Amino acid sequence: MTSSDPTVQPVPASVVEQVDAADVTLSNPKRAVISLGSNLGNRLETLQGAVDALEDTPGLRVKAVSPVYETEPWGVAPGSQPSYFNAVVLVKTTLPPDSLLERGHAIEEAFERVRDERWGPRTIDVDILAYQDVVSDDPRLTLPHPRAHERAFVLVPWHDVDPSAEVPGHGPVAELLASVGSQGVQARADLELHLPE
């Protein structure tokens, strides 16, 4: 199944607008897109915990959360790791990119993320896909994420929460997704992440 499956609907624009209208706590916020992934432990609970932790961050508000998708691990032999649950979160934040990165690392640490090997299994992965329209080749935080435009497990949920989104320097998410395809990205209509209260 893909994001075109009628059982998995994109987040309605009205929901995003309601969150925007209700958000009077941030002054001149920036828009950021964050990818979440987990393939160890209680994957859904961990993803929800990461969403809640983002919302608990001073200077950050969660705007929208994508449906959950199940995907095979990237860059490793098939069957060598458990499958991932993936989702994309849209946020508004007054944090600069480097502070947002630090918060992402703190969330990973809180969920005992281990970094023993590249593309190794993980309790949680928190990646900044894009921050406003910033383009940066800083090795600590490259923006947009250097592989976001070629990964279906990122593009499918990103398109769900923001169908008109663009990856800075690469083009519209919809066109990138059409080029990459959604093979291997399975919608989990039985699972749901919730916007924090």
N, C-alpha and C. Protein backbone atom coordinates (compact mmCIF):
# COMPACT_ATOMS: atom_id res chain seq x y z
N MET A 1 0.85 -1.20 0.00
CA MET A 1 0.00 0.00 0.00
C MET A 1 0.88 1.24 0.00
N THR A 2 0.40 2.31 -0.57
CA THR A 2 1.12 3.57 -0.60
C THR A 2 0.23 4.67 -0.09
N SER A 3 0.71 5.90 -0.20
CA SER A 3 -0.08 7.02 0.29
C SER A 3 -1.33 7.24 -0.54
N SER A 4 -1.44 6.57 -1.72
CA SER A 4 -2.66 6.68 -2.50
C SER A 4 -3.75 5.75 -2.00
N ASP A 5 -3.44 4.88 -1.05
CA ASP A 5 -4.42 3.97 -0.46
C ASP A 5 -5.52 4.80 0.20
N PRO A 6 -6.78 4.55 -0.14
CA PRO A 6 -7.87 5.36 0.41
C PRO A 6 -8.02 5.25 1.91
N THR A 7 -7.43 4.22 2.53
CA THR A 7 -7.55 4.08 3.98
C THR A 7 -6.57 4.98 4.72
N VAL A 8 -5.59 5.55 4.01
CA VAL A 8 -4.63 6.44 4.64
C VAL A 8 -4.75 7.81 3.99
N GLN A 9 -5.35 8.73 4.69
CA GLN A 9 -5.63 10.03 4.12
C GLN A 9 -4.56 11.04 4.56
N PRO A 10 -4.15 11.94 3.66
CA PRO A 10 -3.26 13.02 4.06
C PRO A 10 -3.90 13.86 5.15
N VAL A 11 -3.07 14.52 5.94
CA VAL A 11 -3.59 15.39 6.99
C VAL A 11 -4.36 16.53 6.33
N PRO A 12 -5.64 16.72 6.66
CA PRO A 12 -6.42 17.79 6.03
C PRO A 12 -5.80 19.16 6.28
N ALA A 13 -5.85 20.01 5.26
CA ALA A 13 -5.31 21.37 5.40
C ALA A 13 -5.98 22.10 6.54
N SER A 14 -7.27 21.80 6.78
CA SER A 14 -7.99 22.48 7.84
C SER A 14 -7.38 22.21 9.21
N VAL A 15 -6.83 20.99 9.38
CA VAL A 15 -6.20 20.65 10.66
C VAL A 15 -4.96 21.51 10.86
N VAL A 16 -4.14 21.61 9.81
CA VAL A 16 -2.93 22.44 9.88
C VAL A 16 -3.30 23.89 10.16
N GLU A 17 -4.35 24.38 9.48
CA GLU A 17 -4.77 25.76 9.68
C GLU A 17 -5.26 25.98 11.11
N GLN A 18 -5.97 25.01 11.67
CA GLN A 18 -6.45 25.14 13.05
C GLN A 18 -5.29 25.24 14.02
N VAL A 19 -4.28 24.42 13.80
CA VAL A 19 -3.10 24.48 14.67
C VAL A 19 -2.42 25.83 14.52
N ASP A 20 -2.31 26.31 13.27
CA ASP A 20 -1.71 27.63 13.05
C ASP A 20 -2.49 28.71 13.79
N ALA A 21 -3.82 28.67 13.65
CA ALA A 21 -4.65 29.71 14.25
C ALA A 21 -4.57 29.68 15.76
N ALA A 22 -4.40 28.48 16.31
CA ALA A 22 -4.36 28.35 17.77
C ALA A 22 -2.99 28.68 18.35
N ASP A 23 -1.99 28.77 17.48
CA ASP A 23 -0.61 28.94 17.94
C ASP A 23 -0.28 30.43 18.06
N VAL A 24 -0.40 30.96 19.27
CA VAL A 24 -0.09 32.36 19.50
C VAL A 24 1.11 32.48 20.43
N THR A 25 1.80 31.37 20.64
CA THR A 25 2.88 31.37 21.64
C THR A 25 4.25 31.61 21.03
N LEU A 26 4.37 31.57 19.69
CA LEU A 26 5.66 31.74 19.06
C LEU A 26 5.70 33.05 18.27
N SER A 27 6.82 33.74 18.36
CA SER A 27 6.99 34.99 17.63
C SER A 27 7.91 34.75 16.44
N ASN A 28 7.41 35.00 15.24
CA ASN A 28 8.18 34.84 14.00
C ASN A 28 8.80 33.45 13.87
N PRO A 29 7.99 32.40 13.96
CA PRO A 29 8.54 31.04 13.91
C PRO A 29 8.96 30.65 12.49
N LYS A 30 9.84 29.68 12.41
CA LYS A 30 10.26 29.09 11.14
C LYS A 30 9.62 27.71 11.01
N ARG A 31 9.47 27.28 9.77
CA ARG A 31 8.86 25.98 9.50
C ARG A 31 9.98 24.96 9.30
N ALA A 32 9.84 23.81 9.95
CA ALA A 32 10.82 22.74 9.80
C ALA A 32 10.10 21.41 9.60
N VAL A 33 10.78 20.50 8.94
CA VAL A 33 10.24 19.18 8.65
C VAL A 33 11.19 18.16 9.27
N ILE A 34 10.64 17.25 10.08
CA ILE A 34 11.45 16.29 10.83
C ILE A 34 10.98 14.88 10.52
N SER A 35 11.94 14.00 10.26
CA SER A 35 11.65 12.59 10.00
C SER A 35 11.93 11.79 11.26
N LEU A 36 11.02 10.85 11.56
CA LEU A 36 11.19 9.96 12.71
C LEU A 36 11.20 8.52 12.22
N GLY A 37 12.09 7.71 12.79
CA GLY A 37 12.12 6.29 12.44
C GLY A 37 12.53 5.46 13.64
N SER A 38 11.98 4.25 13.73
CA SER A 38 12.30 3.35 14.84
C SER A 38 12.19 1.91 14.38
N ASN A 39 13.20 1.09 14.73
CA ASN A 39 13.08 -0.34 14.42
C ASN A 39 13.50 -1.24 15.59
N LEU A 40 13.54 -0.67 16.79
CA LEU A 40 13.82 -1.46 17.99
C LEU A 40 12.78 -1.14 19.07
N GLY A 41 12.44 -2.13 19.87
CA GLY A 41 11.52 -1.91 20.98
C GLY A 41 10.10 -1.69 20.50
N ASN A 42 9.32 -0.97 21.31
CA ASN A 42 7.95 -0.64 20.94
C ASN A 42 8.00 0.56 20.00
N ARG A 43 8.00 0.27 18.71
CA ARG A 43 8.27 1.30 17.70
C ARG A 43 7.22 2.42 17.70
N LEU A 44 5.96 2.06 17.77
CA LEU A 44 4.91 3.07 17.75
C LEU A 44 4.97 3.94 19.00
N GLU A 45 5.14 3.32 20.15
CA GLU A 45 5.23 4.07 21.41
C GLU A 45 6.41 5.03 21.38
N THR A 46 7.52 4.58 20.81
CA THR A 46 8.71 5.43 20.74
C THR A 46 8.48 6.61 19.80
N LEU A 47 7.85 6.36 18.65
CA LEU A 47 7.55 7.47 17.74
C LEU A 47 6.64 8.49 18.40
N GLN A 48 5.61 8.02 19.10
CA GLN A 48 4.71 8.94 19.78
C GLN A 48 5.45 9.70 20.87
N GLY A 49 6.34 9.01 21.57
CA GLY A 49 7.15 9.68 22.59
C GLY A 49 8.01 10.78 22.00
N ALA A 50 8.54 10.55 20.82
CA ALA A 50 9.37 11.57 20.16
C ALA A 50 8.51 12.76 19.73
N VAL A 51 7.31 12.50 19.22
CA VAL A 51 6.39 13.59 18.86
C VAL A 51 6.06 14.42 20.10
N ASP A 52 5.76 13.74 21.20
CA ASP A 52 5.42 14.44 22.45
C ASP A 52 6.62 15.25 22.96
N ALA A 53 7.82 14.67 22.83
CA ALA A 53 9.03 15.37 23.29
C ALA A 53 9.29 16.61 22.45
N LEU A 54 9.02 16.53 21.15
CA LEU A 54 9.16 17.72 20.30
C LEU A 54 8.21 18.81 20.76
N GLU A 55 6.96 18.43 21.02
CA GLU A 55 5.96 19.42 21.46
C GLU A 55 6.34 20.03 22.81
N ASP A 56 7.01 19.27 23.65
CA ASP A 56 7.42 19.76 24.98
C ASP A 56 8.63 20.68 24.91
N THR A 57 9.19 20.86 23.72
CA THR A 57 10.39 21.69 23.55
C THR A 57 10.01 23.17 23.56
N PRO A 58 10.60 23.96 24.44
CA PRO A 58 10.33 25.41 24.41
C PRO A 58 10.68 25.99 23.05
N GLY A 59 9.79 26.83 22.52
CA GLY A 59 10.04 27.44 21.22
C GLY A 59 9.72 26.55 20.05
N LEU A 60 8.92 25.50 20.27
CA LEU A 60 8.58 24.60 19.17
C LEU A 60 7.14 24.12 19.34
N ARG A 61 6.41 24.08 18.24
CA ARG A 61 5.05 23.55 18.24
C ARG A 61 4.89 22.58 17.08
N VAL A 62 4.33 21.42 17.36
CA VAL A 62 4.06 20.42 16.33
C VAL A 62 2.80 20.83 15.57
N LYS A 63 2.90 20.95 14.25
CA LYS A 63 1.77 21.36 13.41
C LYS A 63 1.00 20.18 12.84
N ALA A 64 1.72 19.15 12.41
CA ALA A 64 1.06 18.02 11.77
C ALA A 64 1.94 16.79 11.88
N VAL A 65 1.29 15.63 11.91
CA VAL A 65 2.00 14.34 11.99
C VAL A 65 1.45 13.44 10.88
N SER A 66 2.34 12.82 10.15
CA SER A 66 1.92 11.95 9.04
C SER A 66 1.37 10.63 9.53
N PRO A 67 0.74 9.87 8.64
CA PRO A 67 0.45 8.48 8.95
C PRO A 67 1.75 7.71 9.18
N VAL A 68 1.63 6.52 9.75
CA VAL A 68 2.79 5.66 10.01
C VAL A 68 2.98 4.71 8.82
N TYR A 69 4.24 4.54 8.44
CA TYR A 69 4.59 3.60 7.38
C TYR A 69 5.60 2.59 7.91
N GLU A 70 5.55 1.40 7.35
CA GLU A 70 6.53 0.36 7.70
C GLU A 70 7.43 0.14 6.49
N THR A 71 8.74 0.15 6.74
CA THR A 71 9.71 0.03 5.65
C THR A 71 10.86 -0.87 6.06
N GLU A 72 11.52 -1.43 5.06
CA GLU A 72 12.72 -2.21 5.31
C GLU A 72 13.89 -1.27 5.60
N PRO A 73 14.85 -1.70 6.42
CA PRO A 73 16.00 -0.86 6.74
C PRO A 73 16.77 -0.46 5.48
N TRP A 74 17.33 0.72 5.53
CA TRP A 74 18.09 1.29 4.41
C TRP A 74 19.57 0.89 4.53
N GLY A 75 20.16 0.47 3.42
CA GLY A 75 21.61 0.30 3.37
C GLY A 75 22.14 -0.98 4.00
N VAL A 76 21.27 -1.93 4.33
CA VAL A 76 21.73 -3.19 4.94
C VAL A 76 21.07 -4.36 4.21
N ALA A 77 21.59 -5.56 4.46
CA ALA A 77 21.06 -6.76 3.81
C ALA A 77 19.62 -7.01 4.27
N PRO A 78 18.74 -7.40 3.33
CA PRO A 78 17.35 -7.70 3.70
C PRO A 78 17.28 -8.77 4.80
N GLY A 79 16.44 -8.51 5.79
CA GLY A 79 16.25 -9.45 6.88
C GLY A 79 17.28 -9.38 7.99
N SER A 80 18.27 -8.49 7.84
CA SER A 80 19.32 -8.41 8.87
C SER A 80 18.91 -7.57 10.06
N GLN A 81 17.83 -6.78 9.92
CA GLN A 81 17.32 -5.95 11.00
C GLN A 81 15.79 -5.98 10.96
N PRO A 82 15.15 -5.63 12.08
CA PRO A 82 13.69 -5.48 12.06
C PRO A 82 13.29 -4.33 11.14
N SER A 83 12.07 -4.35 10.67
CA SER A 83 11.57 -3.27 9.82
C SER A 83 11.37 -2.00 10.66
N TYR A 84 11.30 -0.88 9.94
CA TYR A 84 11.13 0.43 10.58
C TYR A 84 9.68 0.86 10.55
N PHE A 85 9.31 1.63 11.56
CA PHE A 85 8.13 2.48 11.49
C PHE A 85 8.67 3.88 11.21
N ASN A 86 8.10 4.55 10.21
CA ASN A 86 8.54 5.89 9.84
C ASN A 86 7.38 6.86 9.82
N ALA A 87 7.67 8.12 10.11
CA ALA A 87 6.69 9.19 10.04
C ALA A 87 7.42 10.50 9.83
N VAL A 88 6.67 11.51 9.41
CA VAL A 88 7.21 12.86 9.23
C VAL A 88 6.36 13.83 10.04
N VAL A 89 7.04 14.77 10.68
CA VAL A 89 6.39 15.76 11.53
C VAL A 89 6.69 17.16 11.00
N LEU A 90 5.66 17.98 10.89
CA LEU A 90 5.85 19.39 10.56
C LEU A 90 5.81 20.20 11.85
N VAL A 91 6.78 21.10 12.01
CA VAL A 91 6.81 21.92 13.21
C VAL A 91 7.01 23.38 12.85
N LYS A 92 6.63 24.24 13.77
CA LYS A 92 7.03 25.63 13.73
C LYS A 92 7.91 25.88 14.94
N THR A 93 8.98 26.62 14.73
CA THR A 93 9.92 26.78 15.83
C THR A 93 10.66 28.11 15.74
N THR A 94 11.02 28.62 16.91
CA THR A 94 11.89 29.79 16.98
C THR A 94 13.33 29.37 17.22
N LEU A 95 13.57 28.06 17.36
CA LEU A 95 14.94 27.58 17.54
C LEU A 95 15.71 27.69 16.24
N PRO A 96 16.98 28.09 16.29
CA PRO A 96 17.80 28.04 15.09
C PRO A 96 18.12 26.59 14.74
N PRO A 97 18.56 26.31 13.52
CA PRO A 97 18.80 24.93 13.11
C PRO A 97 19.70 24.14 14.03
N ASP A 98 20.79 24.75 14.51
CA ASP A 98 21.71 23.99 15.36
C ASP A 98 21.08 23.61 16.69
N SER A 99 20.22 24.48 17.23
CA SER A 99 19.53 24.15 18.48
C SER A 99 18.48 23.07 18.26
N LEU A 100 17.84 23.10 17.11
CA LEU A 100 16.88 22.05 16.78
C LEU A 100 17.58 20.71 16.63
N LEU A 101 18.76 20.73 16.04
CA LEU A 101 19.57 19.51 15.93
C LEU A 101 19.92 18.97 17.32
N GLU A 102 20.34 19.85 18.22
CA GLU A 102 20.67 19.43 19.58
C GLU A 102 19.47 18.82 20.27
N ARG A 103 18.30 19.40 20.05
CA ARG A 103 17.08 18.84 20.66
C ARG A 103 16.78 17.46 20.09
N GLY A 104 16.98 17.29 18.79
CA GLY A 104 16.80 15.98 18.19
C GLY A 104 17.73 14.94 18.78
N HIS A 105 18.99 15.32 18.98
CA HIS A 105 19.95 14.41 19.60
C HIS A 105 19.58 14.09 21.04
N ALA A 106 19.05 15.08 21.75
CA ALA A 106 18.64 14.85 23.15
C ALA A 106 17.47 13.86 23.21
N ILE A 107 16.56 13.96 22.25
CA ILE A 107 15.44 13.01 22.21
C ILE A 107 15.96 11.61 21.91
N GLU A 108 16.89 11.50 20.96
CA GLU A 108 17.48 10.20 20.65
C GLU A 108 18.16 9.61 21.89
N GLU A 109 18.88 10.44 22.62
CA GLU A 109 19.57 9.98 23.83
C GLU A 109 18.57 9.54 24.89
N ALA A 110 17.47 10.27 25.01
CA ALA A 110 16.46 9.92 26.01
C ALA A 110 15.84 8.55 25.72
N PHE A 111 15.78 8.18 24.45
CA PHE A 111 15.26 6.88 24.07
C PHE A 111 16.37 5.85 23.82
N GLU A 112 17.56 6.17 24.34
CA GLU A 112 18.71 5.25 24.36
C GLU A 112 19.14 4.82 22.96
N ARG A 113 19.17 5.79 22.05
CA ARG A 113 19.68 5.53 20.71
C ARG A 113 21.17 5.20 20.80
N VAL A 114 21.58 4.13 20.14
CA VAL A 114 22.99 3.71 20.12
C VAL A 114 23.54 3.95 18.72
N ARG A 115 24.73 4.53 18.63
CA ARG A 115 25.35 4.83 17.34
C ARG A 115 26.62 4.01 17.14
N ASP A 116 26.48 2.68 17.15
CA ASP A 116 27.64 1.81 16.99
C ASP A 116 28.05 1.61 15.54
N GLU A 117 27.09 1.67 14.64
CA GLU A 117 27.38 1.41 13.24
C GLU A 117 26.49 2.25 12.34
N ARG A 118 27.02 2.60 11.15
CA ARG A 118 26.22 3.34 10.19
C ARG A 118 25.06 2.46 9.73
N TRP A 119 23.88 3.06 9.69
CA TRP A 119 22.66 2.36 9.30
C TRP A 119 22.35 1.18 10.22
N GLY A 120 22.85 1.25 11.46
CA GLY A 120 22.56 0.21 12.43
C GLY A 120 21.14 0.37 12.96
N PRO A 121 20.63 -0.67 13.65
CA PRO A 121 19.29 -0.58 14.24
C PRO A 121 19.23 0.51 15.30
N ARG A 122 18.06 1.06 15.52
CA ARG A 122 17.96 2.17 16.47
C ARG A 122 16.57 2.24 17.09
N THR A 123 16.55 2.66 18.33
CA THR A 123 15.26 2.88 18.99
C THR A 123 14.54 4.06 18.36
N ILE A 124 15.30 5.10 18.01
CA ILE A 124 14.69 6.28 17.39
C ILE A 124 15.75 7.01 16.57
N ASP A 125 15.30 7.52 15.46
CA ASP A 125 16.12 8.37 14.60
C ASP A 125 15.34 9.65 14.38
N VAL A 126 15.95 10.78 14.71
CA VAL A 126 15.32 12.08 14.54
C VAL A 126 16.17 12.89 13.57
N ASP A 127 15.66 13.09 12.36
CA ASP A 127 16.41 13.80 11.32
C ASP A 127 15.67 15.06 10.89
N ILE A 128 16.40 16.16 10.78
CA ILE A 128 15.84 17.39 10.23
C ILE A 128 15.94 17.28 8.71
N LEU A 129 14.79 17.23 8.05
CA LEU A 129 14.77 17.12 6.60
C LEU A 129 14.94 18.48 5.94
N ALA A 130 14.28 19.48 6.49
CA ALA A 130 14.36 20.82 5.94
C ALA A 130 14.04 21.83 7.03
N TYR A 131 14.60 23.02 6.87
CA TYR A 131 14.36 24.12 7.82
C TYR A 131 14.11 25.36 6.97
N GLN A 132 12.81 25.78 6.94
CA GLN A 132 12.41 26.88 6.07
C GLN A 132 12.94 26.58 4.68
N ASP A 133 13.59 27.52 4.02
CA ASP A 133 14.18 27.24 2.71
C ASP A 133 15.71 27.30 2.77
N VAL A 134 16.25 27.02 3.95
CA VAL A 134 17.70 27.10 4.16
C VAL A 134 18.43 26.00 3.38
N VAL A 135 19.49 26.39 2.72
CA VAL A 135 20.39 25.45 2.06
C VAL A 135 21.77 25.65 2.67
N SER A 136 22.33 24.59 3.24
CA SER A 136 23.62 24.67 3.92
C SER A 136 24.39 23.37 3.76
N ASP A 137 25.69 23.48 3.51
CA ASP A 137 26.53 22.27 3.40
C ASP A 137 27.38 22.07 4.64
N ASP A 138 26.95 22.66 5.76
CA ASP A 138 27.64 22.45 7.03
C ASP A 138 27.65 20.95 7.33
N PRO A 139 28.85 20.35 7.53
CA PRO A 139 28.90 18.90 7.76
C PRO A 139 28.16 18.45 9.02
N ARG A 140 28.00 19.34 9.99
CA ARG A 140 27.28 18.96 11.21
C ARG A 140 25.78 18.88 10.96
N LEU A 141 25.26 19.76 10.11
CA LEU A 141 23.84 19.74 9.78
C LEU A 141 23.69 20.25 8.35
N THR A 142 23.64 19.34 7.41
CA THR A 142 23.43 19.68 6.01
C THR A 142 21.94 19.87 5.78
N LEU A 143 21.59 21.00 5.17
CA LEU A 143 20.18 21.31 4.89
C LEU A 143 19.99 21.63 3.42
N PRO A 144 18.95 21.06 2.80
CA PRO A 144 18.09 20.02 3.35
C PRO A 144 18.88 18.73 3.59
N HIS A 145 18.26 17.75 4.25
CA HIS A 145 18.93 16.48 4.49
C HIS A 145 19.47 15.95 3.16
N PRO A 146 20.74 15.54 3.12
CA PRO A 146 21.37 15.22 1.84
C PRO A 146 20.78 14.05 1.07
N ARG A 147 20.00 13.19 1.73
CA ARG A 147 19.42 12.05 1.02
C ARG A 147 17.90 12.04 1.07
N ALA A 148 17.30 13.09 1.59
CA ALA A 148 15.84 13.14 1.70
C ALA A 148 15.17 13.00 0.34
N HIS A 149 15.74 13.60 -0.68
CA HIS A 149 15.10 13.64 -2.00
C HIS A 149 15.10 12.30 -2.73
N GLU A 150 15.85 11.32 -2.18
CA GLU A 150 15.94 10.02 -2.86
C GLU A 150 15.38 8.87 -2.03
N ARG A 151 14.77 9.17 -0.90
CA ARG A 151 14.29 8.12 0.00
C ARG A 151 12.76 8.11 0.06
N ALA A 152 12.18 7.03 -0.44
CA ALA A 152 10.73 6.92 -0.46
C ALA A 152 10.14 6.97 0.94
N PHE A 153 10.84 6.38 1.93
CA PHE A 153 10.29 6.33 3.28
C PHE A 153 10.23 7.72 3.92
N VAL A 154 10.92 8.69 3.33
CA VAL A 154 10.82 10.09 3.75
C VAL A 154 9.79 10.82 2.90
N LEU A 155 9.86 10.64 1.59
CA LEU A 155 9.02 11.39 0.68
C LEU A 155 7.53 11.05 0.80
N VAL A 156 7.21 9.76 1.01
CA VAL A 156 5.80 9.36 1.10
C VAL A 156 5.10 10.06 2.28
N PRO A 157 5.62 9.93 3.52
CA PRO A 157 4.92 10.62 4.61
C PRO A 157 5.02 12.14 4.53
N TRP A 158 6.12 12.67 3.97
CA TRP A 158 6.25 14.12 3.80
C TRP A 158 5.15 14.63 2.86
N HIS A 159 4.93 13.91 1.78
CA HIS A 159 3.89 14.30 0.84
C HIS A 159 2.51 14.24 1.50
N ASP A 160 2.31 13.29 2.40
CA ASP A 160 1.02 13.18 3.10
C ASP A 160 0.71 14.44 3.90
N VAL A 161 1.69 14.94 4.64
CA VAL A 161 1.42 16.08 5.52
C VAL A 161 1.54 17.42 4.81
N ASP A 162 2.21 17.44 3.65
CA ASP A 162 2.38 18.70 2.92
C ASP A 162 2.53 18.41 1.43
N PRO A 163 1.42 18.16 0.73
CA PRO A 163 1.48 17.76 -0.68
C PRO A 163 2.17 18.77 -1.59
N SER A 164 2.20 20.05 -1.20
CA SER A 164 2.82 21.08 -2.04
C SER A 164 4.26 21.39 -1.62
N ALA A 165 4.81 20.60 -0.71
CA ALA A 165 6.16 20.86 -0.20
C ALA A 165 7.22 20.75 -1.29
N GLU A 166 8.32 21.45 -1.07
CA GLU A 166 9.48 21.34 -1.94
C GLU A 166 10.71 21.04 -1.10
N VAL A 167 11.62 20.25 -1.66
CA VAL A 167 12.92 20.03 -1.04
C VAL A 167 13.85 21.09 -1.63
N PRO A 168 14.30 22.04 -0.81
CA PRO A 168 15.13 23.12 -1.35
C PRO A 168 16.29 22.59 -2.20
N GLY A 169 16.39 23.11 -3.40
CA GLY A 169 17.47 22.70 -4.29
C GLY A 169 17.20 21.45 -5.10
N HIS A 170 16.08 20.76 -4.81
CA HIS A 170 15.78 19.51 -5.51
C HIS A 170 14.42 19.50 -6.18
N GLY A 171 13.49 20.32 -5.72
CA GLY A 171 12.19 20.40 -6.36
C GLY A 171 11.05 19.90 -5.51
N PRO A 172 9.84 19.88 -6.09
CA PRO A 172 8.64 19.48 -5.34
C PRO A 172 8.72 18.03 -4.86
N VAL A 173 8.25 17.81 -3.64
CA VAL A 173 8.22 16.46 -3.08
C VAL A 173 7.40 15.53 -3.97
N ALA A 174 6.29 16.03 -4.51
CA ALA A 174 5.43 15.19 -5.35
C ALA A 174 6.19 14.67 -6.57
N GLU A 175 6.99 15.53 -7.20
CA GLU A 175 7.76 15.11 -8.38
C GLU A 175 8.88 14.15 -7.99
N LEU A 176 9.52 14.42 -6.88
CA LEU A 176 10.59 13.53 -6.42
C LEU A 176 10.04 12.16 -6.09
N LEU A 177 8.87 12.13 -5.46
CA LEU A 177 8.23 10.86 -5.12
C LEU A 177 7.84 10.09 -6.37
N ALA A 178 7.33 10.80 -7.37
CA ALA A 178 6.96 10.15 -8.63
C ALA A 178 8.19 9.53 -9.29
N SER A 179 9.33 10.18 -9.14
CA SER A 179 10.57 9.67 -9.73
C SER A 179 11.12 8.47 -8.95
N VAL A 180 11.09 8.57 -7.63
CA VAL A 180 11.65 7.51 -6.78
C VAL A 180 10.70 6.32 -6.68
N GLY A 181 9.39 6.59 -6.63
CA GLY A 181 8.41 5.53 -6.42
C GLY A 181 8.25 5.23 -4.95
N SER A 182 7.21 4.50 -4.62
CA SER A 182 6.91 4.21 -3.21
C SER A 182 7.02 2.73 -2.88
N GLN A 183 7.72 1.99 -3.72
CA GLN A 183 7.88 0.55 -3.47
C GLN A 183 8.58 0.33 -2.13
N GLY A 184 8.07 -0.61 -1.36
CA GLY A 184 8.68 -0.95 -0.08
C GLY A 184 8.21 -0.09 1.08
N VAL A 185 7.35 0.88 0.81
CA VAL A 185 6.82 1.75 1.85
C VAL A 185 5.36 1.36 2.06
N GLN A 186 5.10 0.66 3.16
CA GLN A 186 3.77 0.10 3.40
C GLN A 186 3.02 0.92 4.43
N ALA A 187 1.85 1.39 4.04
CA ALA A 187 1.01 2.14 4.98
C ALA A 187 0.51 1.23 6.08
N ARG A 188 0.55 1.73 7.32
CA ARG A 188 0.02 0.99 8.46
C ARG A 188 -1.23 1.72 8.96
N ALA A 189 -2.35 1.45 8.28
CA ALA A 189 -3.60 2.12 8.63
C ALA A 189 -4.09 1.74 10.02
N ASP A 190 -3.54 0.66 10.58
CA ASP A 190 -3.94 0.21 11.91
C ASP A 190 -3.21 0.96 13.01
N LEU A 191 -2.25 1.79 12.64
CA LEU A 191 -1.44 2.53 13.61
C LEU A 191 -1.64 4.02 13.41
N GLU A 192 -1.54 4.77 14.50
CA GLU A 192 -1.76 6.22 14.38
C GLU A 192 -0.94 6.97 15.42
N LEU A 193 -0.35 8.06 14.97
CA LEU A 193 0.31 8.99 15.88
C LEU A 193 -0.62 10.16 16.11
N HIS A 194 -0.60 10.72 17.29
CA HIS A 194 -1.54 11.79 17.64
C HIS A 194 -0.80 13.10 17.87
N LEU A 195 -1.42 14.17 17.41
CA LEU A 195 -0.91 15.49 17.75
C LEU A 195 -1.02 15.66 19.26
N PRO A 196 0.01 16.20 19.89
CA PRO A 196 -0.07 16.42 21.35
C PRO A 196 -1.24 17.33 21.70
N GLU A 197 -1.83 17.07 22.85
CA GLU A 197 -2.99 17.87 23.31
C GLU A 197 -2.55 19.29 23.58
